Amino acid sequence: MTLSDVQHDSSTYTVYDENSQEVKRLYASNYGNGDLCGFGTDFLVLEDGDRYVIVNAESGDEIAQLYRSNVGRFKHANGRLVVFKDGSKLVVYEVGSSGVSEISSRWM
């Protein structure tokens, strides 16, 4: 499944696949006060206070929690990747079903 869109109302995130079909409704309260930052191929990135929660869009399972003090600010998600800006450094993480791994970084 590849995500094409995520819509948020007051209490749920509705996830749509590449055929614009609704595939899942996720309750925001399951992830703290998570605000949607972005989404990749099959995951969502939610910001809850000082942490980012990465959630499998199909199952609703939490993949990882990343703390802003460790990764910096969310920049964007694309495909299987999430990019954060930590000061003057861009750090790229790969999201898999079993977790998140840093794969590269560069100074800006």
PDB file of N, CA and C in Angstrom:
ATOM      1  N   MET A   1       0.851  -1.185   0.000  1.00  0.00           N
ATOM      2  CA  MET A   1       0.000   0.000   0.000  1.00  0.00           C
ATOM      3  C   MET A   1       0.891   1.241   0.000  1.00  0.00           C
ATOM      4  N   THR A   2       0.521   2.201  -0.796  1.00  0.00           N
ATOM      5  CA  THR A   2       1.197   3.495  -0.821  1.00  0.00           C
ATOM      6  C   THR A   2       0.178   4.568  -0.463  1.00  0.00           C
ATOM      7  N   LEU A   3       0.547   5.444   0.450  1.00  0.00           N
ATOM      8  CA  LEU A   3      -0.366   6.513   0.864  1.00  0.00           C
ATOM      9  C   LEU A   3      -0.421   7.603  -0.194  1.00  0.00           C
ATOM     10  N   SER A   4      -1.623   8.113  -0.413  1.00  0.00           N
ATOM     11  CA  SER A   4      -1.778   9.255  -1.306  1.00  0.00           C
ATOM     12  C   SER A   4      -2.236  10.493  -0.557  1.00  0.00           C
ATOM     13  N   ASP A   5      -2.895  10.298   0.587  1.00  0.00           N
ATOM     14  CA  ASP A   5      -3.390  11.448   1.338  1.00  0.00           C
ATOM     15  C   ASP A   5      -3.733  11.027   2.762  1.00  0.00           C
ATOM     16  N   VAL A   6      -3.700  12.008   3.650  1.00  0.00           N
ATOM     17  CA  VAL A   6      -4.151  11.831   5.033  1.00  0.00           C
ATOM     18  C   VAL A   6      -4.959  13.064   5.381  1.00  0.00           C
ATOM     19  N   GLN A   7      -6.186  12.857   5.820  1.00  0.00           N
ATOM     20  CA  GLN A   7      -7.067  13.949   6.233  1.00  0.00           C
ATOM     21  C   GLN A   7      -7.261  13.877   7.737  1.00  0.00           C
ATOM     22  N   HIS A   8      -7.313  15.034   8.372  1.00  0.00           N
ATOM     23  CA  HIS A   8      -7.479  15.094   9.825  1.00  0.00           C
ATOM     24  C   HIS A   8      -8.731  15.883  10.154  1.00  0.00           C
ATOM     25  N   ASP A   9      -9.558  15.304  11.024  1.00  0.00           N
ATOM     26  CA  ASP A   9     -10.636  16.106  11.601  1.00  0.00           C
ATOM     27  C   ASP A   9     -10.306  16.223  13.082  1.00  0.00           C
ATOM     28  N   SER A  10     -11.225  16.593  13.894  1.00  0.00           N
ATOM     29  CA  SER A  10     -10.914  16.881  15.296  1.00  0.00           C
ATOM     30  C   SER A  10     -10.388  15.685  16.075  1.00  0.00           C
ATOM     31  N   SER A  11     -10.710  14.469  15.678  1.00  0.00           N
ATOM     32  CA  SER A  11     -10.293  13.329  16.495  1.00  0.00           C
ATOM     33  C   SER A  11      -9.668  12.170  15.717  1.00  0.00           C
ATOM     34  N   THR A  12      -9.700  12.206  14.393  1.00  0.00           N
ATOM     35  CA  THR A  12      -9.174  11.070  13.629  1.00  0.00           C
ATOM     36  C   THR A  12      -8.332  11.526  12.436  1.00  0.00           C
ATOM     37  N   TYR A  13      -7.436  10.628  12.052  1.00  0.00           N
ATOM     38  CA  TYR A  13      -6.697  10.758  10.798  1.00  0.00           C
ATOM     39  C   TYR A  13      -7.274   9.703   9.865  1.00  0.00           C
ATOM     40  N   THR A  14      -7.732  10.118   8.697  1.00  0.00           N
ATOM     41  CA  THR A  14      -8.240   9.187   7.706  1.00  0.00           C
ATOM     42  C   THR A  14      -7.167   9.030   6.637  1.00  0.00           C
ATOM     43  N   VAL A  15      -6.759   7.778   6.416  1.00  0.00           N
ATOM     44  CA  VAL A  15      -5.656   7.457   5.522  1.00  0.00           C
ATOM     45  C   VAL A  15      -6.216   6.911   4.202  1.00  0.00           C
ATOM     46  N   TYR A  16      -5.685   7.429   3.083  1.00  0.00           N
ATOM     47  CA  TYR A  16      -6.114   7.009   1.751  1.00  0.00           C
ATOM     48  C   TYR A  16      -4.938   6.394   0.999  1.00  0.00           C
ATOM     49  N   ASP A  17      -5.222   5.346   0.222  1.00  0.00           N
ATOM     50  CA  ASP A  17      -4.170   4.681  -0.547  1.00  0.00           C
ATOM     51  C   ASP A  17      -4.006   5.323  -1.917  1.00  0.00           C
ATOM     52  N   GLU A  18      -3.159   4.700  -2.755  1.00  0.00           N
ATOM     53  CA  GLU A  18      -2.856   5.238  -4.083  1.00  0.00           C
ATOM     54  C   GLU A  18      -4.065   5.261  -5.011  1.00  0.00           C
ATOM     55  N   ASN A  19      -5.113   4.532  -4.669  1.00  0.00           N
ATOM     56  CA  ASN A  19      -6.351   4.542  -5.455  1.00  0.00           C
ATOM     57  C   ASN A  19      -7.399   5.476  -4.869  1.00  0.00           C
ATOM     58  N   SER A  20      -6.967   6.322  -3.932  1.00  0.00           N
ATOM     59  CA  SER A  20      -7.848   7.269  -3.234  1.00  0.00           C
ATOM     60  C   SER A  20      -8.945   6.575  -2.437  1.00  0.00           C
ATOM     61  N   GLN A  21      -8.685   5.341  -2.024  1.00  0.00           N
ATOM     62  CA  GLN A  21      -9.625   4.588  -1.197  1.00  0.00           C
ATOM     63  C   GLN A  21      -9.225   4.726   0.271  1.00  0.00           C
ATOM     64  N   GLU A  22     -10.210   4.938   1.127  1.00  0.00           N
ATOM     65  CA  GLU A  22      -9.932   4.995   2.560  1.00  0.00           C
ATOM     66  C   GLU A  22      -9.464   3.612   3.017  1.00  0.00           C
ATOM     67  N   VAL A  23      -8.330   3.576   3.707  1.00  0.00           N
ATOM     68  CA  VAL A  23      -7.808   2.296   4.174  1.00  0.00           C
ATOM     69  C   VAL A  23      -7.756   2.190   5.696  1.00  0.00           C
ATOM     70  N   LYS A  24      -7.784   3.314   6.379  1.00  0.00           N
ATOM     71  CA  LYS A  24      -7.667   3.254   7.840  1.00  0.00           C
ATOM     72  C   LYS A  24      -8.108   4.568   8.444  1.00  0.00           C
ATOM     73  N   ARG A  25      -8.700   4.462   9.637  1.00  0.00           N
ATOM     74  CA  ARG A  25      -8.962   5.634  10.477  1.00  0.00           C
ATOM     75  C   ARG A  25      -8.175   5.436  11.756  1.00  0.00           C
ATOM     76  N   LEU A  26      -7.350   6.405  12.062  1.00  0.00           N
ATOM     77  CA  LEU A  26      -6.526   6.347  13.263  1.00  0.00           C
ATOM     78  C   LEU A  26      -7.001   7.426  14.225  1.00  0.00           C
ATOM     79  N   TYR A  27      -7.194   7.060  15.476  1.00  0.00           N
ATOM     80  CA  TYR A  27      -7.649   8.032  16.471  1.00  0.00           C
ATOM     81  C   TYR A  27      -6.463   8.794  17.024  1.00  0.00           C
ATOM     82  N   ALA A  28      -6.519  10.115  16.894  1.00  0.00           N
ATOM     83  CA  ALA A  28      -5.418  10.979  17.304  1.00  0.00           C
ATOM     84  C   ALA A  28      -5.046  10.776  18.765  1.00  0.00           C
ATOM     85  N   SER A  29      -6.017  10.506  19.607  1.00  0.00           N
ATOM     86  CA  SER A  29      -5.752  10.347  21.042  1.00  0.00           C
ATOM     87  C   SER A  29      -4.858   9.142  21.348  1.00  0.00           C
ATOM     88  N   ASN A  30      -4.748   8.185  20.415  1.00  0.00           N
ATOM     89  CA  ASN A  30      -3.855   7.039  20.621  1.00  0.00           C
ATOM     90  C   ASN A  30      -2.390   7.432  20.562  1.00  0.00           C
ATOM     91  N   TYR A  31      -2.113   8.635  20.080  1.00  0.00           N
ATOM     92  CA  TYR A  31      -0.733   9.077  19.882  1.00  0.00           C
ATOM     93  C   TYR A  31      -0.488  10.392  20.599  1.00  0.00           C
ATOM     94  N   GLY A  32      -1.010  10.521  21.822  1.00  0.00           N
ATOM     95  CA  GLY A  32      -0.882  11.763  22.578  1.00  0.00           C
ATOM     96  C   GLY A  32      -1.741  12.834  21.930  1.00  0.00           C
ATOM     97  N   ASN A  33      -1.196  14.011  21.809  1.00  0.00           N
ATOM     98  CA  ASN A  33      -1.893  15.105  21.131  1.00  0.00           C
ATOM     99  C   ASN A  33      -1.305  15.291  19.746  1.00  0.00           C
ATOM    100  N   GLY A  34      -0.951  14.198  19.113  1.00  0.00           N
ATOM    101  CA  GLY A  34      -0.189  14.225  17.871  1.00  0.00           C
ATOM    102  C   GLY A  34      -0.782  15.069  16.753  1.00  0.00           C
ATOM    103  N   ASP A  35       0.007  16.025  16.292  1.00  0.00           N
ATOM    104  CA  ASP A  35      -0.329  16.810  15.114  1.00  0.00           C
ATOM    105  C   ASP A  35       0.411  16.211  13.930  1.00  0.00           C
ATOM    106  N   LEU A  36      -0.253  16.068  12.806  1.00  0.00           N
ATOM    107  CA  LEU A  36       0.358  15.490  11.623  1.00  0.00           C
ATOM    108  C   LEU A  36       1.435  16.416  11.077  1.00  0.00           C
ATOM    109  N   CYS A  37       2.658  15.895  10.967  1.00  0.00           N
ATOM    110  CA  CYS A  37       3.754  16.636  10.332  1.00  0.00           C
ATOM    111  C   CYS A  37       3.828  16.286   8.859  1.00  0.00           C
ATOM    112  N   GLY A  38       3.677  14.993   8.557  1.00  0.00           N
ATOM    113  CA  GLY A  38       3.778  14.534   7.183  1.00  0.00           C
ATOM    114  C   GLY A  38       3.596  13.030   7.121  1.00  0.00           C
ATOM    115  N   PHE A  39       3.736  12.485   5.910  1.00  0.00           N
ATOM    116  CA  PHE A  39       3.615  11.042   5.755  1.00  0.00           C
ATOM    117  C   PHE A  39       4.500  10.570   4.617  1.00  0.00           C
ATOM    118  N   GLY A  40       4.894   9.308   4.705  1.00  0.00           N
ATOM    119  CA  GLY A  40       5.698   8.676   3.674  1.00  0.00           C
ATOM    120  C   GLY A  40       4.877   7.625   2.961  1.00  0.00           C
ATOM    121  N   THR A  41       5.552   6.651   2.403  1.00  0.00           N
ATOM    122  CA  THR A  41       4.891   5.604   1.637  1.00  0.00           C
ATOM    123  C   THR A  41       3.808   4.899   2.432  1.00  0.00           C
ATOM    124  N   ASP A  42       4.124   4.525   3.668  1.00  0.00           N
ATOM    125  CA  ASP A  42       3.165   3.762   4.477  1.00  0.00           C
ATOM    126  C   ASP A  42       3.219   4.110   5.958  1.00  0.00           C
ATOM    127  N   PHE A  43       3.634   5.323   6.277  1.00  0.00           N
ATOM    128  CA  PHE A  43       3.715   5.743   7.674  1.00  0.00           C
ATOM    129  C   PHE A  43       3.340   7.215   7.817  1.00  0.00           C
ATOM    130  N   LEU A  44       2.961   7.582   9.036  1.00  0.00           N
ATOM    131  CA  LEU A  44       2.664   8.969   9.392  1.00  0.00           C
ATOM    132  C   LEU A  44       3.705   9.440  10.385  1.00  0.00           C
ATOM    133  N   VAL A  45       3.999  10.733  10.363  1.00  0.00           N
ATOM    134  CA  VAL A  45       4.844  11.352  11.378  1.00  0.00           C
ATOM    135  C   VAL A  45       3.971  12.352  12.124  1.00  0.00           C
ATOM    136  N   LEU A  46       3.805  12.104  13.423  1.00  0.00           N
ATOM    137  CA  LEU A  46       2.988  12.966  14.276  1.00  0.00           C
ATOM    138  C   LEU A  46       3.883  13.631  15.304  1.00  0.00           C
ATOM    139  N   GLU A  47       3.620  14.904  15.596  1.00  0.00           N
ATOM    140  CA  GLU A  47       4.379  15.615  16.618  1.00  0.00           C
ATOM    141  C   GLU A  47       3.515  15.710  17.867  1.00  0.00           C
ATOM    142  N   ASP A  48       4.056  15.264  18.985  1.00  0.00           N
ATOM    143  CA  ASP A  48       3.356  15.319  20.265  1.00  0.00           C
ATOM    144  C   ASP A  48       4.299  15.942  21.282  1.00  0.00           C
ATOM    145  N   GLY A  49       4.133  17.232  21.505  1.00  0.00           N
ATOM    146  CA  GLY A  49       5.015  17.925  22.433  1.00  0.00           C
ATOM    147  C   GLY A  49       6.443  17.924  21.926  1.00  0.00           C
ATOM    148  N   ASP A  50       7.350  17.311  22.694  1.00  0.00           N
ATOM    149  CA  ASP A  50       8.768  17.301  22.327  1.00  0.00           C
ATOM    150  C   ASP A  50       9.191  16.021  21.613  1.00  0.00           C
ATOM    151  N   ARG A  51       8.225  15.257  21.125  1.00  0.00           N
ATOM    152  CA  ARG A  51       8.579  14.005  20.455  1.00  0.00           C
ATOM    153  C   ARG A  51       7.812  13.869  19.141  1.00  0.00           C
ATOM    154  N   TYR A  52       8.399  13.067  18.261  1.00  0.00           N
ATOM    155  CA  TYR A  52       7.749  12.682  17.014  1.00  0.00           C
ATOM    156  C   TYR A  52       7.391  11.209  17.127  1.00  0.00           C
ATOM    157  N   VAL A  53       6.159  10.886  16.801  1.00  0.00           N
ATOM    158  CA  VAL A  53       5.693   9.507  16.829  1.00  0.00           C
ATOM    159  C   VAL A  53       5.518   9.063  15.378  1.00  0.00           C
ATOM    160  N   ILE A  54       6.191   7.977  15.018  1.00  0.00           N
ATOM    161  CA  ILE A  54       6.080   7.446  13.667  1.00  0.00           C
ATOM    162  C   ILE A  54       5.175   6.222  13.735  1.00  0.00           C
ATOM    163  N   VAL A  55       4.113   6.242  12.932  1.00  0.00           N
ATOM    164  CA  VAL A  55       3.033   5.266  13.027  1.00  0.00           C
ATOM    165  C   VAL A  55       2.854   4.545  11.689  1.00  0.00           C
ATOM    166  N   ASN A  56       2.715   3.233  11.745  1.00  0.00           N
ATOM    167  CA  ASN A  56       2.390   2.439  10.558  1.00  0.00           C
ATOM    168  C   ASN A  56       0.956   2.787  10.158  1.00  0.00           C
ATOM    169  N   ALA A  57       0.772   3.294   8.953  1.00  0.00           N
ATOM    170  CA  ALA A  57      -0.543   3.778   8.525  1.00  0.00           C
ATOM    171  C   ALA A  57      -1.555   2.668   8.312  1.00  0.00           C
ATOM    172  N   GLU A  58      -1.093   1.472   8.009  1.00  0.00           N
ATOM    173  CA  GLU A  58      -2.009   0.372   7.739  1.00  0.00           C
ATOM    174  C   GLU A  58      -2.489  -0.293   9.022  1.00  0.00           C
ATOM    175  N   SER A  59      -1.571  -0.510   9.957  1.00  0.00           N
ATOM    176  CA  SER A  59      -1.931  -1.212  11.198  1.00  0.00           C
ATOM    177  C   SER A  59      -2.262  -0.275  12.349  1.00  0.00           C
ATOM    178  N   GLY A  60      -1.740   0.959  12.290  1.00  0.00           N
ATOM    179  CA  GLY A  60      -1.907   1.884  13.405  1.00  0.00           C
ATOM    180  C   GLY A  60      -0.873   1.681  14.497  1.00  0.00           C
ATOM    181  N   ASP A  61       0.036   0.726  14.310  1.00  0.00           N
ATOM    182  CA  ASP A  61       1.073   0.458  15.318  1.00  0.00           C
ATOM    183  C   ASP A  61       2.126   1.552  15.315  1.00  0.00           C
ATOM    184  N   GLU A  62       2.619   1.864  16.511  1.00  0.00           N
ATOM    185  CA  GLU A  62       3.705   2.819  16.637  1.00  0.00           C
ATOM    186  C   GLU A  62       5.002   2.143  16.203  1.00  0.00           C
ATOM    187  N   ILE A  63       5.727   2.761  15.299  1.00  0.00           N
ATOM    188  CA  ILE A  63       7.008   2.231  14.838  1.00  0.00           C
ATOM    189  C   ILE A  63       8.138   2.744  15.720  1.00  0.00           C
ATOM    190  N   ALA A  64       8.098   4.049  16.047  1.00  0.00           N
ATOM    191  CA  ALA A  64       9.177   4.641  16.842  1.00  0.00           C
ATOM    192  C   ALA A  64       8.731   5.963  17.434  1.00  0.00           C
ATOM    193  N   GLN A  65       9.470   6.380  18.462  1.00  0.00           N
ATOM    194  CA  GLN A  65       9.355   7.722  19.021  1.00  0.00           C
ATOM    195  C   GLN A  65      10.733   8.351  18.916  1.00  0.00           C
ATOM    196  N   LEU A  66      10.783   9.555  18.369  1.00  0.00           N
ATOM    197  CA  LEU A  66      12.033  10.291  18.255  1.00  0.00           C
ATOM    198  C   LEU A  66      11.855  11.615  18.982  1.00  0.00           C
ATOM    199  N   TYR A  67      12.790  11.949  19.860  1.00  0.00           N
ATOM    200  CA  TYR A  67      12.674  13.180  20.633  1.00  0.00           C
ATOM    201  C   TYR A  67      13.381  14.329  19.923  1.00  0.00           C
ATOM    202  N   ARG A  68      12.711  15.472  19.896  1.00  0.00           N
ATOM    203  CA  ARG A  68      13.230  16.645  19.207  1.00  0.00           C
ATOM    204  C   ARG A  68      14.642  16.979  19.681  1.00  0.00           C
ATOM    205  N   SER A  69      14.928  16.790  20.961  1.00  0.00           N
ATOM    206  CA  SER A  69      16.264  17.092  21.480  1.00  0.00           C
ATOM    207  C   SER A  69      17.340  16.208  20.854  1.00  0.00           C
ATOM    208  N   ASN A  70      16.960  15.053  20.313  1.00  0.00           N
ATOM    209  CA  ASN A  70      17.912  14.141  19.680  1.00  0.00           C
ATOM    210  C   ASN A  70      17.966  14.272  18.161  1.00  0.00           C
ATOM    211  N   VAL A  71      16.843  14.632  17.535  1.00  0.00           N
ATOM    212  CA  VAL A  71      16.794  14.629  16.063  1.00  0.00           C
ATOM    213  C   VAL A  71      16.611  16.005  15.444  1.00  0.00           C
ATOM    214  N   GLY A  72      16.232  17.000  16.206  1.00  0.00           N
ATOM    215  CA  GLY A  72      15.978  18.329  15.664  1.00  0.00           C
ATOM    216  C   GLY A  72      14.532  18.480  15.220  1.00  0.00           C
ATOM    217  N   ARG A  73      14.304  19.362  14.271  1.00  0.00           N
ATOM    218  CA  ARG A  73      12.960  19.674  13.781  1.00  0.00           C
ATOM    219  C   ARG A  73      12.639  18.890  12.517  1.00  0.00           C
ATOM    220  N   PHE A  74      11.396  18.432  12.432  1.00  0.00           N
ATOM    221  CA  PHE A  74      10.918  17.729  11.243  1.00  0.00           C
ATOM    222  C   PHE A  74      11.017  18.650  10.027  1.00  0.00           C
ATOM    223  N   LYS A  75      11.547  18.135   8.932  1.00  0.00           N
ATOM    224  CA  LYS A  75      11.610  18.896   7.676  1.00  0.00           C
ATOM    225  C   LYS A  75      10.621  18.322   6.670  1.00  0.00           C
ATOM    226  N   HIS A  76      10.728  17.015   6.351  1.00  0.00           N
ATOM    227  CA  HIS A  76       9.756  16.389   5.460  1.00  0.00           C
ATOM    228  C   HIS A  76       9.908  14.866   5.475  1.00  0.00           C
ATOM    229  N   ALA A  77       8.895  14.218   4.925  1.00  0.00           N
ATOM    230  CA  ALA A  77       8.921  12.765   4.733  1.00  0.00           C
ATOM    231  C   ALA A  77       8.686  12.507   3.251  1.00  0.00           C
ATOM    232  N   ASN A  78       9.346  11.448   2.735  1.00  0.00           N
ATOM    233  CA  ASN A  78       9.216  11.120   1.324  1.00  0.00           C
ATOM    234  C   ASN A  78       9.567   9.647   1.153  1.00  0.00           C
ATOM    235  N   GLY A  79       8.664   8.879   0.582  1.00  0.00           N
ATOM    236  CA  GLY A  79       8.930   7.451   0.410  1.00  0.00           C
ATOM    237  C   GLY A  79       9.118   6.769   1.749  1.00  0.00           C
ATOM    238  N   ARG A  80      10.273   6.150   1.965  1.00  0.00           N
ATOM    239  CA  ARG A  80      10.600   5.470   3.226  1.00  0.00           C
ATOM    240  C   ARG A  80      11.447   6.348   4.131  1.00  0.00           C
ATOM    241  N   LEU A  81      11.638   7.628   3.747  1.00  0.00           N
ATOM    242  CA  LEU A  81      12.573   8.499   4.451  1.00  0.00           C
ATOM    243  C   LEU A  81      11.872   9.600   5.228  1.00  0.00           C
ATOM    244  N   VAL A  82      12.518   9.986   6.345  1.00  0.00           N
ATOM    245  CA  VAL A  82      12.117  11.156   7.120  1.00  0.00           C
ATOM    246  C   VAL A  82      13.364  11.999   7.292  1.00  0.00           C
ATOM    247  N   VAL A  83      13.225  13.308   7.069  1.00  0.00           N
ATOM    248  CA  VAL A  83      14.364  14.220   7.167  1.00  0.00           C
ATOM    249  C   VAL A  83      14.098  15.212   8.289  1.00  0.00           C
ATOM    250  N   PHE A  84      15.119  15.397   9.136  1.00  0.00           N
ATOM    251  CA  PHE A  84      15.061  16.360  10.230  1.00  0.00           C
ATOM    252  C   PHE A  84      16.194  17.361  10.072  1.00  0.00           C
ATOM    253  N   LYS A  85      15.971  18.584  10.524  1.00  0.00           N
ATOM    254  CA  LYS A  85      17.006  19.603  10.541  1.00  0.00           C
ATOM    255  C   LYS A  85      17.418  19.798  11.986  1.00  0.00           C
ATOM    256  N   ASP A  86      18.673  19.459  12.271  1.00  0.00           N
ATOM    257  CA  ASP A  86      19.212  19.567  13.622  1.00  0.00           C
ATOM    258  C   ASP A  86      20.290  20.642  13.615  1.00  0.00           C
ATOM    259  N   GLY A  87      19.889  21.872  13.964  1.00  0.00           N
ATOM    260  CA  GLY A  87      20.814  22.997  13.876  1.00  0.00           C
ATOM    261  C   GLY A  87      21.125  23.268  12.417  1.00  0.00           C
ATOM    262  N   SER A  88      22.408  23.171  12.045  1.00  0.00           N
ATOM    263  CA  SER A  88      22.790  23.390  10.649  1.00  0.00           C
ATOM    264  C   SER A  88      23.100  22.078   9.935  1.00  0.00           C
ATOM    265  N   LYS A  89      22.491  21.009  10.401  1.00  0.00           N
ATOM    266  CA  LYS A  89      22.728  19.685   9.833  1.00  0.00           C
ATOM    267  C   LYS A  89      21.384  19.062   9.417  1.00  0.00           C
ATOM    268  N   LEU A  90      21.352  18.448   8.222  1.00  0.00           N
ATOM    269  CA  LEU A  90      20.193  17.672   7.784  1.00  0.00           C
ATOM    270  C   LEU A  90      20.500  16.205   8.032  1.00  0.00           C
ATOM    271  N   VAL A  91      19.551  15.518   8.682  1.00  0.00           N
ATOM    272  CA  VAL A  91      19.752  14.108   9.010  1.00  0.00           C
ATOM    273  C   VAL A  91      18.606  13.309   8.384  1.00  0.00           C
ATOM    274  N   VAL A  92      18.961  12.243   7.663  1.00  0.00           N
ATOM    275  CA  VAL A  92      17.995  11.415   6.952  1.00  0.00           C
ATOM    276  C   VAL A  92      17.855  10.077   7.671  1.00  0.00           C
ATOM    277  N   TYR A  93      16.609   9.692   7.939  1.00  0.00           N
ATOM    278  CA  TYR A  93      16.304   8.422   8.591  1.00  0.00           C
ATOM    279  C   TYR A  93      15.470   7.576   7.640  1.00  0.00           C
ATOM    280  N   GLU A  94      15.692   6.275   7.680  1.00  0.00           N
ATOM    281  CA  GLU A  94      14.864   5.340   6.928  1.00  0.00           C
ATOM    282  C   GLU A  94      13.888   4.683   7.887  1.00  0.00           C
ATOM    283  N   VAL A  95      12.625   4.621   7.490  1.00  0.00           N
ATOM    284  CA  VAL A  95      11.580   4.036   8.321  1.00  0.00           C
ATOM    285  C   VAL A  95      11.285   2.635   7.807  1.00  0.00           C
ATOM    286  N   GLY A  96      11.388   1.660   8.698  1.00  0.00           N
ATOM    287  CA  GLY A  96      11.025   0.279   8.388  1.00  0.00           C
ATOM    288  C   GLY A  96       9.999  -0.205   9.388  1.00  0.00           C
ATOM    289  N   SER A  97       9.441  -1.352   9.163  1.00  0.00           N
ATOM    290  CA  SER A  97       8.408  -1.858  10.066  1.00  0.00           C
ATOM    291  C   SER A  97       8.942  -2.133  11.466  1.00  0.00           C
ATOM    292  N   SER A  98      10.250  -2.354  11.590  1.00  0.00           N
ATOM    293  CA  SER A  98      10.819  -2.667  12.901  1.00  0.00           C
ATOM    294  C   SER A  98      11.493  -1.476  13.566  1.00  0.00           C
ATOM    295  N   GLY A  99      11.493  -0.311  12.919  1.00  0.00           N
ATOM    296  CA  GLY A  99      12.094   0.853  13.547  1.00  0.00           C
ATOM    297  C   GLY A  99      12.607   1.878  12.548  1.00  0.00           C
ATOM    298  N   VAL A 100      13.420   2.784  13.082  1.00  0.00           N
ATOM    299  CA  VAL A 100      13.945   3.908  12.308  1.00  0.00           C
ATOM    300  C   VAL A 100      15.452   3.905  12.442  1.00  0.00           C
ATOM    301  N   SER A 101      16.166   4.104  11.314  1.00  0.00           N
ATOM    302  CA  SER A 101      17.628   4.105  11.324  1.00  0.00           C
ATOM    303  C   SER A 101      18.147   5.329  10.596  1.00  0.00           C
ATOM    304  N   GLU A 102      19.152   5.985  11.184  1.00  0.00           N
ATOM    305  CA  GLU A 102      19.815   7.089  10.509  1.00  0.00           C
ATOM    306  C   GLU A 102      20.637   6.511   9.359  1.00  0.00           C
ATOM    307  N   ILE A 103      20.471   7.091   8.161  1.00  0.00           N
ATOM    308  CA  ILE A 103      21.237   6.564   7.015  1.00  0.00           C
ATOM    309  C   ILE A 103      22.212   7.575   6.440  1.00  0.00           C
ATOM    310  N   SER A 104      21.986   8.878   6.679  1.00  0.00           N
ATOM    311  CA  SER A 104      22.953   9.854   6.188  1.00  0.00           C
ATOM    312  C   SER A 104      22.706  11.201   6.859  1.00  0.00           C
ATOM    313  N   SER A 105      23.688  12.081   6.703  1.00  0.00           N
ATOM    314  CA  SER A 105      23.552  13.451   7.197  1.00  0.00           C
ATOM    315  C   SER A 105      24.519  14.340   6.422  1.00  0.00           C
ATOM    316  N   ARG A 106      24.229  15.623   6.448  1.00  0.00           N
ATOM    317  CA  ARG A 106      25.145  16.568   5.814  1.00  0.00           C
ATOM    318  C   ARG A 106      24.981  17.924   6.489  1.00  0.00           C
ATOM    319  N   TRP A 107      26.079  18.675   6.486  1.00  0.00           N
ATOM    320  CA  TRP A 107      26.058  20.041   7.016  1.00  0.00           C
ATOM    321  C   TRP A 107      25.507  20.962   5.960  1.00  0.00           C
ATOM    322  N   MET A 108      24.765  21.949   6.381  1.00  0.00           N
ATOM    323  CA  MET A 108      24.188  22.913   5.447  1.00  0.00           C
ATOM    324  C   MET A 108      25.028  24.173   5.430  1.00  0.00           C
TER     325      MET A 108
END
